[in-house]
Amino acid sequence: MIISPEAASNENKCIVCKGTNFSAVVDAWMKRTFSFVEKAGHLKMCAKCGAKYYECPKCGYLVTRVHPALEPWEVESKCAKCGFVNLDIVAWDGTSANPNKL
């Protein structure tokens, strides 16, 4: 489990570039690939570098970065701010499709 220093401040901060401005985006490929993205409906994208994040449905904190190249140890399913856990959050294994799309 990775807990970033930013989690302690409870401020949404990009782990890639340290940006603090985010906007909601719909990424069709991510929705097809990750069931938790499909269920969420959108991701939050950093305005500075474009990194995309899953947003906690309970408190709005950025739970984990979403990218197909992330390793399982780089993906977090528990919100560092409120403790909400989404067990659907997994790293992409490079081959599996979203089970909702099969």
PDB file of N, CA and C in Angstrom:
ATOM      1  N   MET A   1       0.843  -1.172   0.000  1.00  0.00           N
ATOM      2  CA  MET A   1       0.000   0.000   0.000  1.00  0.00           C
ATOM      3  C   MET A   1       0.890   1.238   0.000  1.00  0.00           C
ATOM      4  N   ILE A   2       0.566   2.186  -0.871  1.00  0.00           N
ATOM      5  CA  ILE A   2       1.319   3.429  -0.957  1.00  0.00           C
ATOM      6  C   ILE A   2       0.490   4.545  -0.337  1.00  0.00           C
ATOM      7  N   ILE A   3       1.015   5.190   0.658  1.00  0.00           N
ATOM      8  CA  ILE A   3       0.373   6.375   1.223  1.00  0.00           C
ATOM      9  C   ILE A   3       1.302   7.542   0.933  1.00  0.00           C
ATOM     10  N   SER A   4       0.837   8.437   0.117  1.00  0.00           N
ATOM     11  CA  SER A   4       1.670   9.572  -0.264  1.00  0.00           C
ATOM     12  C   SER A   4       1.679  10.616   0.844  1.00  0.00           C
ATOM     13  N   PRO A   5       2.721  11.448   0.884  1.00  0.00           N
ATOM     14  CA  PRO A   5       2.753  12.530   1.875  1.00  0.00           C
ATOM     15  C   PRO A   5       1.575  13.479   1.705  1.00  0.00           C
ATOM     16  N   GLU A   6       1.060  13.574   0.482  1.00  0.00           N
ATOM     17  CA  GLU A   6      -0.074  14.451   0.215  1.00  0.00           C
ATOM     18  C   GLU A   6      -1.318  13.994   0.968  1.00  0.00           C
ATOM     19  N   ALA A   7      -1.418  12.671   1.228  1.00  0.00           N
ATOM     20  CA  ALA A   7      -2.591  12.151   1.920  1.00  0.00           C
ATOM     21  C   ALA A   7      -2.710  12.748   3.320  1.00  0.00           C
ATOM     22  N   ALA A   8      -1.587  13.002   3.940  1.00  0.00           N
ATOM     23  CA  ALA A   8      -1.610  13.567   5.289  1.00  0.00           C
ATOM     24  C   ALA A   8      -2.216  14.965   5.305  1.00  0.00           C
ATOM     25  N   SER A   9      -2.078  15.708   4.216  1.00  0.00           N
ATOM     26  CA  SER A   9      -2.602  17.070   4.185  1.00  0.00           C
ATOM     27  C   SER A   9      -4.073  17.116   3.786  1.00  0.00           C
ATOM     28  N   ASN A  10      -4.615  15.985   3.316  1.00  0.00           N
ATOM     29  CA  ASN A  10      -6.004  15.901   2.858  1.00  0.00           C
ATOM     30  C   ASN A  10      -6.300  16.847   1.704  1.00  0.00           C
ATOM     31  N   GLU A  11      -5.285  17.254   0.969  1.00  0.00           N
ATOM     32  CA  GLU A  11      -5.460  18.097  -0.209  1.00  0.00           C
ATOM     33  C   GLU A  11      -5.183  17.244  -1.437  1.00  0.00           C
ATOM     34  N   ASN A  12      -6.058  17.346  -2.438  1.00  0.00           N
ATOM     35  CA  ASN A  12      -5.815  16.617  -3.674  1.00  0.00           C
ATOM     36  C   ASN A  12      -4.601  17.200  -4.369  1.00  0.00           C
ATOM     37  N   LYS A  13      -3.594  16.345  -4.573  1.00  0.00           N
ATOM     38  CA  LYS A  13      -2.368  16.778  -5.219  1.00  0.00           C
ATOM     39  C   LYS A  13      -1.894  15.667  -6.146  1.00  0.00           C
ATOM     40  N   CYS A  14      -1.536  16.019  -7.365  1.00  0.00           N
ATOM     41  CA  CYS A  14      -1.066  15.061  -8.359  1.00  0.00           C
ATOM     42  C   CYS A  14       0.267  14.462  -7.912  1.00  0.00           C
ATOM     43  N   ILE A  15       0.374  13.137  -7.935  1.00  0.00           N
ATOM     44  CA  ILE A  15       1.627  12.496  -7.540  1.00  0.00           C
ATOM     45  C   ILE A  15       2.678  12.582  -8.643  1.00  0.00           C
ATOM     46  N   VAL A  16       2.272  12.946  -9.853  1.00  0.00           N
ATOM     47  CA  VAL A  16       3.206  13.055 -10.971  1.00  0.00           C
ATOM     48  C   VAL A  16       3.887  14.419 -10.988  1.00  0.00           C
ATOM     49  N   CYS A  17       3.080  15.502 -10.912  1.00  0.00           N
ATOM     50  CA  CYS A  17       3.629  16.859 -11.082  1.00  0.00           C
ATOM     51  C   CYS A  17       3.349  17.794  -9.907  1.00  0.00           C
ATOM     52  N   LYS A  18       2.626  17.313  -8.900  1.00  0.00           N
ATOM     53  CA  LYS A  18       2.241  18.105  -7.721  1.00  0.00           C
ATOM     54  C   LYS A  18       1.176  19.161  -8.016  1.00  0.00           C
ATOM     55  N   GLY A  19       0.533  19.071  -9.192  1.00  0.00           N
ATOM     56  CA  GLY A  19      -0.546  19.990  -9.537  1.00  0.00           C
ATOM     57  C   GLY A  19      -1.721  19.840  -8.583  1.00  0.00           C
ATOM     58  N   THR A  20      -2.539  20.891  -8.481  1.00  0.00           N
ATOM     59  CA  THR A  20      -3.680  20.867  -7.563  1.00  0.00           C
ATOM     60  C   THR A  20      -5.008  21.182  -8.244  1.00  0.00           C
ATOM     61  N   ASN A  21      -5.011  21.378  -9.554  1.00  0.00           N
ATOM     62  CA  ASN A  21      -6.248  21.650 -10.285  1.00  0.00           C
ATOM     63  C   ASN A  21      -6.641  20.414 -11.080  1.00  0.00           C
ATOM     64  N   PHE A  22      -7.885  19.966 -10.866  1.00  0.00           N
ATOM     65  CA  PHE A  22      -8.381  18.755 -11.508  1.00  0.00           C
ATOM     66  C   PHE A  22      -9.757  19.013 -12.100  1.00  0.00           C
ATOM     67  N   SER A  23     -10.054  18.311 -13.188  1.00  0.00           N
ATOM     68  CA  SER A  23     -11.386  18.402 -13.780  1.00  0.00           C
ATOM     69  C   SER A  23     -11.889  17.000 -14.091  1.00  0.00           C
ATOM     70  N   ALA A  24     -13.203  16.847 -14.093  1.00  0.00           N
ATOM     71  CA  ALA A  24     -13.811  15.553 -14.397  1.00  0.00           C
ATOM     72  C   ALA A  24     -13.693  15.274 -15.887  1.00  0.00           C
ATOM     73  N   VAL A  25     -13.274  14.051 -16.223  1.00  0.00           N
ATOM     74  CA  VAL A  25     -13.159  13.633 -17.618  1.00  0.00           C
ATOM     75  C   VAL A  25     -13.735  12.234 -17.766  1.00  0.00           C
ATOM     76  N   VAL A  26     -14.253  11.952 -18.953  1.00  0.00           N
ATOM     77  CA  VAL A  26     -14.721  10.613 -19.288  1.00  0.00           C
ATOM     78  C   VAL A  26     -13.723  10.031 -20.273  1.00  0.00           C
ATOM     79  N   ASP A  27     -13.138   8.910 -19.916  1.00  0.00           N
ATOM     80  CA  ASP A  27     -12.156   8.238 -20.762  1.00  0.00           C
ATOM     81  C   ASP A  27     -12.765   6.912 -21.195  1.00  0.00           C
ATOM     82  N   ALA A  28     -13.189   6.818 -22.449  1.00  0.00           N
ATOM     83  CA  ALA A  28     -13.888   5.634 -22.944  1.00  0.00           C
ATOM     84  C   ALA A  28     -13.033   4.376 -22.833  1.00  0.00           C
ATOM     85  N   TRP A  29     -11.743   4.483 -23.143  1.00  0.00           N
ATOM     86  CA  TRP A  29     -10.875   3.301 -23.063  1.00  0.00           C
ATOM     87  C   TRP A  29     -10.752   2.823 -21.620  1.00  0.00           C
ATOM     88  N   MET A  30     -10.557   3.751 -20.696  1.00  0.00           N
ATOM     89  CA  MET A  30     -10.440   3.374 -19.282  1.00  0.00           C
ATOM     90  C   MET A  30     -11.740   2.741 -18.786  1.00  0.00           C
ATOM     91  N   LYS A  31     -12.879   3.254 -19.238  1.00  0.00           N
ATOM     92  CA  LYS A  31     -14.166   2.685 -18.834  1.00  0.00           C
ATOM     93  C   LYS A  31     -14.316   1.264 -19.352  1.00  0.00           C
ATOM     94  N   ARG A  32     -13.832   1.007 -20.573  1.00  0.00           N
ATOM     95  CA  ARG A  32     -13.900  -0.349 -21.127  1.00  0.00           C
ATOM     96  C   ARG A  32     -12.928  -1.293 -20.425  1.00  0.00           C
ATOM     97  N   THR A  33     -11.845  -0.773 -19.928  1.00  0.00           N
ATOM     98  CA  THR A  33     -10.782  -1.593 -19.352  1.00  0.00           C
ATOM     99  C   THR A  33     -10.952  -1.846 -17.861  1.00  0.00           C
ATOM    100  N   PHE A  34     -11.377  -0.849 -17.130  1.00  0.00           N
ATOM    101  CA  PHE A  34     -11.478  -0.953 -15.670  1.00  0.00           C
ATOM    102  C   PHE A  34     -12.939  -0.834 -15.236  1.00  0.00           C
ATOM    103  N   SER A  35     -13.476  -1.884 -14.594  1.00  0.00           N
ATOM    104  CA  SER A  35     -14.879  -1.841 -14.168  1.00  0.00           C
ATOM    105  C   SER A  35     -15.121  -0.743 -13.137  1.00  0.00           C
ATOM    106  N   PHE A  36     -14.144  -0.460 -12.287  1.00  0.00           N
ATOM    107  CA  PHE A  36     -14.344   0.584 -11.273  1.00  0.00           C
ATOM    108  C   PHE A  36     -14.445   1.965 -11.904  1.00  0.00           C
ATOM    109  N   VAL A  37     -13.807   2.174 -13.060  1.00  0.00           N
ATOM    110  CA  VAL A  37     -13.929   3.456 -13.773  1.00  0.00           C
ATOM    111  C   VAL A  37     -15.310   3.550 -14.409  1.00  0.00           C
ATOM    112  N   GLU A  38     -15.774   2.445 -14.981  1.00  0.00           N
ATOM    113  CA  GLU A  38     -17.113   2.436 -15.568  1.00  0.00           C
ATOM    114  C   GLU A  38     -18.165   2.755 -14.507  1.00  0.00           C
ATOM    115  N   LYS A  39     -18.036   2.156 -13.341  1.00  0.00           N
ATOM    116  CA  LYS A  39     -19.004   2.390 -12.263  1.00  0.00           C
ATOM    117  C   LYS A  39     -18.936   3.826 -11.745  1.00  0.00           C
ATOM    118  N   ALA A  40     -17.738   4.393 -11.719  1.00  0.00           N
ATOM    119  CA  ALA A  40     -17.573   5.773 -11.239  1.00  0.00           C
ATOM    120  C   ALA A  40     -18.156   6.778 -12.224  1.00  0.00           C
ATOM    121  N   GLY A  41     -18.069   6.473 -13.512  1.00  0.00           N
ATOM    122  CA  GLY A  41     -18.608   7.371 -14.530  1.00  0.00           C
ATOM    123  C   GLY A  41     -17.611   8.378 -15.063  1.00  0.00           C
ATOM    124  N   HIS A  42     -16.633   8.743 -14.247  1.00  0.00           N
ATOM    125  CA  HIS A  42     -15.619   9.705 -14.692  1.00  0.00           C
ATOM    126  C   HIS A  42     -14.353   9.550 -13.849  1.00  0.00           C
ATOM    127  N   LEU A  43     -13.310  10.162 -14.311  1.00  0.00           N
ATOM    128  CA  LEU A  43     -12.058  10.260 -13.569  1.00  0.00           C
ATOM    129  C   LEU A  43     -11.765  11.732 -13.356  1.00  0.00           C
ATOM    130  N   LYS A  44     -10.827  12.032 -12.507  1.00  0.00           N
ATOM    131  CA  LYS A  44     -10.344  13.405 -12.344  1.00  0.00           C
ATOM    132  C   LYS A  44      -8.992  13.492 -13.043  1.00  0.00           C
ATOM    133  N   MET A  45      -8.824  14.516 -13.881  1.00  0.00           N
ATOM    134  CA  MET A  45      -7.584  14.683 -14.627  1.00  0.00           C
ATOM    135  C   MET A  45      -6.856  15.932 -14.161  1.00  0.00           C
ATOM    136  N   CYS A  46      -5.560  15.790 -13.942  1.00  0.00           N
ATOM    137  CA  CYS A  46      -4.718  16.912 -13.537  1.00  0.00           C
ATOM    138  C   CYS A  46      -4.608  17.893 -14.699  1.00  0.00           C
ATOM    139  N   ALA A  47      -4.892  19.148 -14.428  1.00  0.00           N
ATOM    140  CA  ALA A  47      -4.837  20.179 -15.467  1.00  0.00           C
ATOM    141  C   ALA A  47      -3.407  20.455 -15.919  1.00  0.00           C
ATOM    142  N   LYS A  48      -2.441  20.153 -15.087  1.00  0.00           N
ATOM    143  CA  LYS A  48      -1.046  20.460 -15.393  1.00  0.00           C
ATOM    144  C   LYS A  48      -0.377  19.384 -16.257  1.00  0.00           C
ATOM    145  N   CYS A  49      -0.582  18.093 -15.925  1.00  0.00           N
ATOM    146  CA  CYS A  49       0.132  17.030 -16.646  1.00  0.00           C
ATOM    147  C   CYS A  49      -0.769  15.997 -17.314  1.00  0.00           C
ATOM    148  N   GLY A  50      -2.064  15.984 -16.997  1.00  0.00           N
ATOM    149  CA  GLY A  50      -2.989  15.046 -17.627  1.00  0.00           C
ATOM    150  C   GLY A  50      -3.132  13.706 -16.931  1.00  0.00           C
ATOM    151  N   ALA A  51      -2.451  13.498 -15.805  1.00  0.00           N
ATOM    152  CA  ALA A  51      -2.595  12.240 -15.067  1.00  0.00           C
ATOM    153  C   ALA A  51      -4.044  12.097 -14.603  1.00  0.00           C
ATOM    154  N   LYS A  52      -4.556  10.862 -14.637  1.00  0.00           N
ATOM    155  CA  LYS A  52      -5.954  10.617 -14.281  1.00  0.00           C
ATOM    156  C   LYS A  52      -6.040   9.833 -12.981  1.00  0.00           C
ATOM    157  N   TYR A  53      -7.078  10.167 -12.209  1.00  0.00           N
ATOM    158  CA  TYR A  53      -7.254   9.599 -10.881  1.00  0.00           C
ATOM    159  C   TYR A  53      -8.691   9.162 -10.654  1.00  0.00           C
ATOM    160  N   TYR A  54      -8.850   8.107  -9.833  1.00  0.00           N
ATOM    161  CA  TYR A  54     -10.154   7.686  -9.340  1.00  0.00           C
ATOM    162  C   TYR A  54     -10.461   8.534  -8.112  1.00  0.00           C
ATOM    163  N   GLU A  55     -11.661   9.081  -8.075  1.00  0.00           N
ATOM    164  CA  GLU A  55     -12.088   9.956  -6.984  1.00  0.00           C
ATOM    165  C   GLU A  55     -12.965   9.187  -6.003  1.00  0.00           C
ATOM    166  N   CYS A  56     -12.697   9.328  -4.721  1.00  0.00           N
ATOM    167  CA  CYS A  56     -13.502   8.670  -3.697  1.00  0.00           C
ATOM    168  C   CYS A  56     -14.951   9.148  -3.799  1.00  0.00           C
ATOM    169  N   PRO A  57     -15.903   8.210  -3.892  1.00  0.00           N
ATOM    170  CA  PRO A  57     -17.309   8.613  -3.988  1.00  0.00           C
ATOM    171  C   PRO A  57     -17.866   9.163  -2.677  1.00  0.00           C
ATOM    172  N   LYS A  58     -17.170   8.933  -1.580  1.00  0.00           N
ATOM    173  CA  LYS A  58     -17.641   9.398  -0.273  1.00  0.00           C
ATOM    174  C   LYS A  58     -17.168  10.808   0.067  1.00  0.00           C
ATOM    175  N   CYS A  59     -15.883  11.108  -0.224  1.00  0.00           N
ATOM    176  CA  CYS A  59     -15.344  12.397   0.227  1.00  0.00           C
ATOM    177  C   CYS A  59     -14.697  13.237  -0.876  1.00  0.00           C
ATOM    178  N   GLY A  60     -14.535  12.681  -2.079  1.00  0.00           N
ATOM    179  CA  GLY A  60     -13.960  13.448  -3.182  1.00  0.00           C
ATOM    180  C   GLY A  60     -12.444  13.454  -3.248  1.00  0.00           C
ATOM    181  N   TYR A  61     -11.790  12.741  -2.336  1.00  0.00           N
ATOM    182  CA  TYR A  61     -10.327  12.685  -2.348  1.00  0.00           C
ATOM    183  C   TYR A  61      -9.859  11.788  -3.499  1.00  0.00           C
ATOM    184  N   LEU A  62      -8.694  12.068  -4.047  1.00  0.00           N
ATOM    185  CA  LEU A  62      -8.142  11.246  -5.123  1.00  0.00           C
ATOM    186  C   LEU A  62      -7.541   9.982  -4.510  1.00  0.00           C
ATOM    187  N   VAL A  63      -8.169   8.841  -4.797  1.00  0.00           N
ATOM    188  CA  VAL A  63      -7.778   7.576  -4.178  1.00  0.00           C
ATOM    189  C   VAL A  63      -6.527   6.994  -4.820  1.00  0.00           C
ATOM    190  N   THR A  64      -6.518   6.902  -6.149  1.00  0.00           N
ATOM    191  CA  THR A  64      -5.396   6.279  -6.837  1.00  0.00           C
ATOM    192  C   THR A  64      -5.281   6.787  -8.261  1.00  0.00           C
ATOM    193  N   ARG A  65      -4.074   6.801  -8.762  1.00  0.00           N
ATOM    194  CA  ARG A  65      -3.852   7.132 -10.166  1.00  0.00           C
ATOM    195  C   ARG A  65      -4.340   5.953 -10.992  1.00  0.00           C
ATOM    196  N   VAL A  66      -4.908   6.234 -12.160  1.00  0.00           N
ATOM    197  CA  VAL A  66      -5.400   5.193 -13.048  1.00  0.00           C
ATOM    198  C   VAL A  66      -4.625   5.288 -14.352  1.00  0.00           C
ATOM    199  N   HIS A  67      -3.902   4.219 -14.668  1.00  0.00           N
ATOM    200  CA  HIS A  67      -3.097   4.170 -15.889  1.00  0.00           C
ATOM    201  C   HIS A  67      -2.802   2.701 -16.182  1.00  0.00           C
ATOM    202  N   PRO A  68      -2.826   2.297 -17.455  1.00  0.00           N
ATOM    203  CA  PRO A  68      -2.619   0.878 -17.764  1.00  0.00           C
ATOM    204  C   PRO A  68      -1.216   0.361 -17.458  1.00  0.00           C
ATOM    205  N   ALA A  69      -0.234   1.226 -17.307  1.00  0.00           N
ATOM    206  CA  ALA A  69       1.139   0.775 -17.052  1.00  0.00           C
ATOM    207  C   ALA A  69       1.475   0.649 -15.570  1.00  0.00           C
ATOM    208  N   LEU A  70       0.530   0.949 -14.695  1.00  0.00           N
ATOM    209  CA  LEU A  70       0.813   0.870 -13.260  1.00  0.00           C
ATOM    210  C   LEU A  70       0.898  -0.582 -12.796  1.00  0.00           C
ATOM    211  N   GLU A  71       1.812  -0.833 -11.893  1.00  0.00           N
ATOM    212  CA  GLU A  71       1.970  -2.150 -11.275  1.00  0.00           C
ATOM    213  C   GLU A  71       0.965  -2.275 -10.128  1.00  0.00           C
ATOM    214  N   PRO A  72       0.609  -3.513  -9.732  1.00  0.00           N
ATOM    215  CA  PRO A  72      -0.352  -3.686  -8.637  1.00  0.00           C
ATOM    216  C   PRO A  72       0.024  -2.938  -7.355  1.00  0.00           C
ATOM    217  N   TRP A  73       1.293  -2.857  -7.022  1.00  0.00           N
ATOM    218  CA  TRP A  73       1.706  -2.160  -5.800  1.00  0.00           C
ATOM    219  C   TRP A  73       1.558  -0.642  -5.914  1.00  0.00           C
ATOM    220  N   GLU A  74       1.309  -0.133  -7.129  1.00  0.00           N
ATOM    221  CA  GLU A  74       1.131   1.306  -7.332  1.00  0.00           C
ATOM    222  C   GLU A  74      -0.338   1.726  -7.309  1.00  0.00           C
ATOM    223  N   VAL A  75      -1.238   0.759  -7.148  1.00  0.00           N
ATOM    224  CA  VAL A  75      -2.677   1.021  -7.196  1.00  0.00           C
ATOM    225  C   VAL A  75      -3.263   0.859  -5.798  1.00  0.00           C
ATOM    226  N   GLU A  76      -3.993   1.852  -5.360  1.00  0.00           N
ATOM    227  CA  GLU A  76      -4.565   1.873  -4.010  1.00  0.00           C
ATOM    228  C   GLU A  76      -6.086   1.730  -4.088  1.00  0.00           C
ATOM    229  N   SER A  77      -6.668   0.907  -3.227  1.00  0.00           N
ATOM    230  CA  SER A  77      -8.122   0.745  -3.213  1.00  0.00           C
ATOM    231  C   SER A  77      -8.782   1.431  -2.017  1.00  0.00           C
ATOM    232  N   LYS A  78      -7.980   1.917  -1.075  1.00  0.00           N
ATOM    233  CA  LYS A  78      -8.519   2.555   0.134  1.00  0.00           C
ATOM    234  C   LYS A  78      -8.227   4.048   0.117  1.00  0.00           C
ATOM    235  N   CYS A  79      -9.266   4.833   0.367  1.00  0.00           N
ATOM    236  CA  CYS A  79      -9.115   6.284   0.433  1.00  0.00           C
ATOM    237  C   CYS A  79      -8.309   6.652   1.680  1.00  0.00           C
ATOM    238  N   ALA A  80      -7.239   7.398   1.474  1.00  0.00           N
ATOM    239  CA  ALA A  80      -6.374   7.807   2.586  1.00  0.00           C
ATOM    240  C   ALA A  80      -7.029   8.863   3.469  1.00  0.00           C
ATOM    241  N   LYS A  81      -8.075   9.503   2.975  1.00  0.00           N
ATOM    242  CA  LYS A  81      -8.726  10.565   3.752  1.00  0.00           C
ATOM    243  C   LYS A  81      -9.850  10.030   4.637  1.00  0.00           C
ATOM    244  N   CYS A  82     -10.771   9.237   4.053  1.00  0.00           N
ATOM    245  CA  CYS A  82     -11.941   8.801   4.826  1.00  0.00           C
ATOM    246  C   CYS A  82     -11.977   7.301   5.110  1.00  0.00           C
ATOM    247  N   GLY A  83     -11.088   6.519   4.473  1.00  0.00           N
ATOM    248  CA  GLY A  83     -11.041   5.087   4.724  1.00  0.00           C
ATOM    249  C   GLY A  83     -11.939   4.245   3.842  1.00  0.00           C
ATOM    250  N   PHE A  84     -12.717   4.868   2.945  1.00  0.00           N
ATOM    251  CA  PHE A  84     -13.578   4.112   2.034  1.00  0.00           C
ATOM    252  C   PHE A  84     -12.729   3.143   1.216  1.00  0.00           C
ATOM    253  N   VAL A  85     -13.202   1.899   1.059  1.00  0.00           N
ATOM    254  CA  VAL A  85     -12.481   0.889   0.283  1.00  0.00           C
ATOM    255  C   VAL A  85     -13.336   0.456  -0.898  1.00  0.00           C
ATOM    256  N   ASN A  86     -12.744   0.473  -2.089  1.00  0.00           N
ATOM    257  CA  ASN A  86     -13.391  -0.017  -3.302  1.00  0.00           C
ATOM    258  C   ASN A  86     -12.626  -1.261  -3.730  1.00  0.00           C
ATOM    259  N   LEU A  87     -13.192  -2.434  -3.471  1.00  0.00           N
ATOM    260  CA  LEU A  87     -12.516  -3.691  -3.773  1.00  0.00           C
ATOM    261  C   LEU A  87     -12.433  -3.982  -5.267  1.00  0.00           C
ATOM    262  N   ASP A  88     -13.145  -3.216  -6.091  1.00  0.00           N
ATOM    263  CA  ASP A  88     -13.076  -3.396  -7.542  1.00  0.00           C
ATOM    264  C   ASP A  88     -11.798  -2.808  -8.132  1.00  0.00           C
ATOM    265  N   ILE A  89     -11.099  -1.985  -7.383  1.00  0.00           N
ATOM    266  CA  ILE A  89      -9.905  -1.328  -7.914  1.00  0.00           C
ATOM    267  C   ILE A  89      -8.760  -2.327  -7.990  1.00  0.00           C
ATOM    268  N   VAL A  90      -8.292  -2.541  -9.216  1.00  0.00           N
ATOM    269  CA  VAL A  90      -7.162  -3.435  -9.469  1.00  0.00           C
ATOM    270  C   VAL A  90      -6.313  -2.843 -10.579  1.00  0.00           C
ATOM    271  N   ALA A  91      -5.059  -3.254 -10.629  1.00  0.00           N
ATOM    272  CA  ALA A  91      -4.187  -2.855 -11.738  1.00  0.00           C
ATOM    273  C   ALA A  91      -4.563  -3.683 -12.960  1.00  0.00           C
ATOM    274  N   TRP A  92      -4.390  -3.123 -14.129  1.00  0.00           N
ATOM    275  CA  TRP A  92      -4.668  -3.834 -15.371  1.00  0.00           C
ATOM    276  C   TRP A  92      -3.558  -4.831 -15.615  1.00  0.00           C
ATOM    277  N   ASP A  93      -3.912  -6.068 -15.963  1.00  0.00           N
ATOM    278  CA  ASP A  93      -2.887  -7.089 -16.178  1.00  0.00           C
ATOM    279  C   ASP A  93      -2.379  -7.123 -17.617  1.00  0.00           C
ATOM    280  N   GLY A  94      -2.848  -6.215 -18.445  1.00  0.00           N
ATOM    281  CA  GLY A  94      -2.376  -6.132 -19.823  1.00  0.00           C
ATOM    282  C   GLY A  94      -3.198  -6.926 -20.811  1.00  0.00           C
ATOM    283  N   THR A  95      -4.056  -7.812 -20.309  1.00  0.00           N
ATOM    284  CA  THR A  95      -4.850  -8.632 -21.221  1.00  0.00           C
ATOM    285  C   THR A  95      -6.330  -8.652 -20.878  1.00  0.00           C
ATOM    286  N   SER A  96      -6.657  -8.642 -19.611  1.00  0.00           N
ATOM    287  CA  SER A  96      -8.054  -8.776 -19.203  1.00  0.00           C
ATOM    288  C   SER A  96      -8.877  -7.563 -19.589  1.00  0.00           C
ATOM    289  N   ALA A  97     -10.097  -7.837 -19.983  1.00  0.00           N
ATOM    290  CA  ALA A  97     -11.043  -6.764 -20.271  1.00  0.00           C
ATOM    291  C   ALA A  97     -11.939  -6.571 -19.059  1.00  0.00           C
ATOM    292  N   ASN A  98     -12.622  -5.460 -19.032  1.00  0.00           N
ATOM    293  CA  ASN A  98     -13.621  -5.188 -18.011  1.00  0.00           C
ATOM    294  C   ASN A  98     -14.637  -6.327 -18.067  1.00  0.00           C
ATOM    295  N   PRO A  99     -14.863  -7.061 -16.970  1.00  0.00           N
ATOM    296  CA  PRO A  99     -15.811  -8.173 -17.011  1.00  0.00           C
ATOM    297  C   PRO A  99     -17.222  -7.746 -17.390  1.00  0.00           C
ATOM    298  N   ASN A 100     -17.557  -6.485 -17.190  1.00  0.00           N
ATOM    299  CA  ASN A 100     -18.875  -5.988 -17.584  1.00  0.00           C
ATOM    300  C   ASN A 100     -19.001  -5.857 -19.093  1.00  0.00           C
ATOM    301  N   LYS A 101     -17.871  -5.928 -19.812  1.00  0.00           N
ATOM    302  CA  LYS A 101     -17.880  -5.739 -21.262  1.00  0.00           C
ATOM    303  C   LYS A 101     -17.717  -7.049 -22.025  1.00  0.00           C
ATOM    304  N   LEU A 102     -17.626  -8.176 -21.317  1.00  0.00           N
ATOM    305  CA  LEU A 102     -17.458  -9.474 -21.981  1.00  0.00           C
ATOM    306  C   LEU A 102     -18.784 -10.053 -22.384  1.00  0.00           C
TER     307      LEU A 102
END
